[in-house]
C-alpha atoms as a PDB file:
ATOM      1  CA  UNK A   1       8.233 -39.899-107.021  1.00  0.00           C
ATOM      2  CA  UNK A   2       4.904 -38.333-106.086  1.00  0.00           C
ATOM      3  CA  UNK A   3       3.738 -37.753-102.518  1.00  0.00           C
ATOM      4  CA  UNK A   4       0.046 -37.556-101.595  1.00  0.00           C
ATOM      5  CA  UNK A   5      -1.954 -37.404 -98.378  1.00  0.00           C
ATOM      6  CA  UNK A   6      -4.409 -40.191 -97.624  1.00  0.00           C
ATOM      7  CA  UNK A   7      -7.263 -37.651 -97.817  1.00  0.00           C
ATOM      8  CA  UNK A   8      -6.209 -36.557-101.306  1.00  0.00           C
ATOM      9  CA  UNK A   9      -5.859 -40.190-102.394  1.00  0.00           C
ATOM     10  CA  UNK A  10      -9.380 -40.985-101.153  1.00  0.00           C
ATOM     11  CA  UNK A  11     -10.767 -37.977-103.031  1.00  0.00           C
ATOM     12  CA  UNK A  12      -9.001 -38.798-106.308  1.00  0.00           C
ATOM     13  CA  UNK A  13      -7.956 -42.495-106.403  1.00  0.00           C
ATOM     14  CA  UNK A  14      -8.048 -42.819-110.200  1.00  0.00           C
ATOM     15  CA  UNK A  15      -5.556 -40.015-110.680  1.00  0.00           C
ATOM     16  CA  UNK A  16      -2.982 -41.598-108.406  1.00  0.00           C
ATOM     17  CA  UNK A  17      -3.485 -45.069-109.846  1.00  0.00           C
ATOM     18  CA  UNK A  18      -2.604 -43.618-113.252  1.00  0.00           C
ATOM     19  CA  UNK A  19       0.469 -41.913-111.797  1.00  0.00           C
ATOM     20  CA  UNK A  20       1.530 -45.166-110.085  1.00  0.00           C
ATOM     21  CA  UNK A  21       1.764 -46.870-113.470  1.00  0.00           C
ATOM     22  CA  UNK A  22       4.844 -44.776-114.242  1.00  0.00           C
ATOM     23  CA  UNK A  23       6.261 -43.797-110.842  1.00  0.00           C
ATOM     24  CA  UNK A  24       5.967 -44.645-107.155  1.00  0.00           C
ATOM     25  CA  UNK A  25       3.393 -42.732-105.120  1.00  0.00           C
ATOM     26  CA  UNK A  26       4.154 -42.184-101.439  1.00  0.00           C
ATOM     27  CA  UNK A  27       1.013 -41.984 -99.309  1.00  0.00           C
ATOM     28  CA  UNK A  28       1.244 -39.872 -96.166  1.00  0.00           C
ATOM     29  CA  UNK A  29      -0.786 -39.797 -92.979  1.00  0.00           C
ATOM     30  CA  UNK A  30      -0.320 -36.871 -90.608  1.00  0.00           C
ATOM     31  CA  UNK A  31       2.655 -35.733 -92.709  1.00  0.00           C
ATOM     32  CA  UNK A  32       4.554 -39.036 -92.421  1.00  0.00           C
ATOM     33  CA  UNK A  33       4.931 -41.655 -95.142  1.00  0.00           C
ATOM     34  CA  UNK A  34       2.605 -44.553 -94.347  1.00  0.00           C
ATOM     35  CA  UNK A  35       2.540 -46.538 -97.587  1.00  0.00           C
ATOM     36  CA  UNK A  36       3.815 -46.722-101.143  1.00  0.00           C
ATOM     37  CA  UNK A  37       1.707 -47.319-104.235  1.00  0.00           C
ATOM     38  CA  UNK A  38       3.669 -49.008-107.028  1.00  0.00           C
ATOM     39  CA  UNK A  39       2.928 -50.398-110.461  1.00  0.00           C
ATOM     40  CA  UNK A  40       1.608 -53.950-110.639  1.00  0.00           C
ATOM     41  CA  UNK A  41       4.031 -54.593-113.498  1.00  0.00           C
ATOM     42  CA  UNK A  42       7.135 -56.154-112.023  1.00  0.00           C
ATOM     43  CA  UNK A  43      10.425 -54.394-112.629  1.00  0.00           C
ATOM     44  CA  UNK A  44      12.579 -57.502-112.876  1.00  0.00           C
ATOM     45  CA  UNK A  45      15.892 -55.651-112.851  1.00  0.00           C
ATOM     46  CA  UNK A  46      14.982 -53.702-109.691  1.00  0.00           C
ATOM     47  CA  UNK A  47      13.778 -56.907-108.028  1.00  0.00           C
ATOM     48  CA  UNK A  48      17.032 -58.696-108.855  1.00  0.00           C
ATOM     49  CA  UNK A  49      19.116 -55.775-107.556  1.00  0.00           C
ATOM     50  CA  UNK A  50      17.116 -55.779-104.315  1.00  0.00           C
ATOM     51  CA  UNK A  51      18.021 -59.445-103.762  1.00  0.00           C
ATOM     52  CA  UNK A  52      21.782 -58.888-104.004  1.00  0.00           C
ATOM     53  CA  UNK A  53      21.977 -57.596-100.448  1.00  0.00           C
ATOM     54  CA  UNK A  54      19.781 -60.401 -99.080  1.00  0.00           C
ATOM     55  CA  UNK A  55      21.210 -63.551-100.625  1.00  0.00           C
ATOM     56  CA  UNK A  56      24.375 -65.029 -99.119  1.00  0.00           C
ATOM     57  CA  UNK A  57      27.403 -64.834-101.401  1.00  0.00           C
ATOM     58  CA  UNK A  58      28.156 -68.576-101.096  1.00  0.00           C
ATOM     59  CA  UNK A  59      24.677 -69.789-102.092  1.00  0.00           C
ATOM     60  CA  UNK A  60      24.286 -72.244-104.946  1.00  0.00           C
ATOM     61  CA  UNK A  61      21.225 -73.723-106.618  1.00  0.00           C
ATOM     62  CA  UNK A  62      21.661 -77.261-105.248  1.00  0.00           C
ATOM     63  CA  UNK A  63      22.181 -76.083-101.663  1.00  0.00           C
ATOM     64  CA  UNK A  64      19.111 -73.837-101.872  1.00  0.00           C
ATOM     65  CA  UNK A  65      17.000 -76.662-103.315  1.00  0.00           C
ATOM     66  CA  UNK A  66      18.089 -79.054-100.563  1.00  0.00           C
ATOM     67  CA  UNK A  67      17.234 -76.511 -97.857  1.00  0.00           C
ATOM     68  CA  UNK A  68      13.842 -75.814 -99.402  1.00  0.00           C
ATOM     69  CA  UNK A  69      12.892 -79.470 -99.877  1.00  0.00           C
ATOM     70  CA  UNK A  70      14.800 -80.641 -96.794  1.00  0.00           C
END
């Protein structure tokens, strides 16, 4: 993971866009992380893993569909 100040990002945006294609870029403001630049290509495995802590364990497709269309 690369860390860059907002000033450095403004001065060299192309460089950090290239870096973001392969790794996350943390953008700092006054020494504190303010944002994260990530690749536009979805990492499907990481997205699925992120959902495991959010979705209830007893959810099923039919119940979810009913709630959504309800």
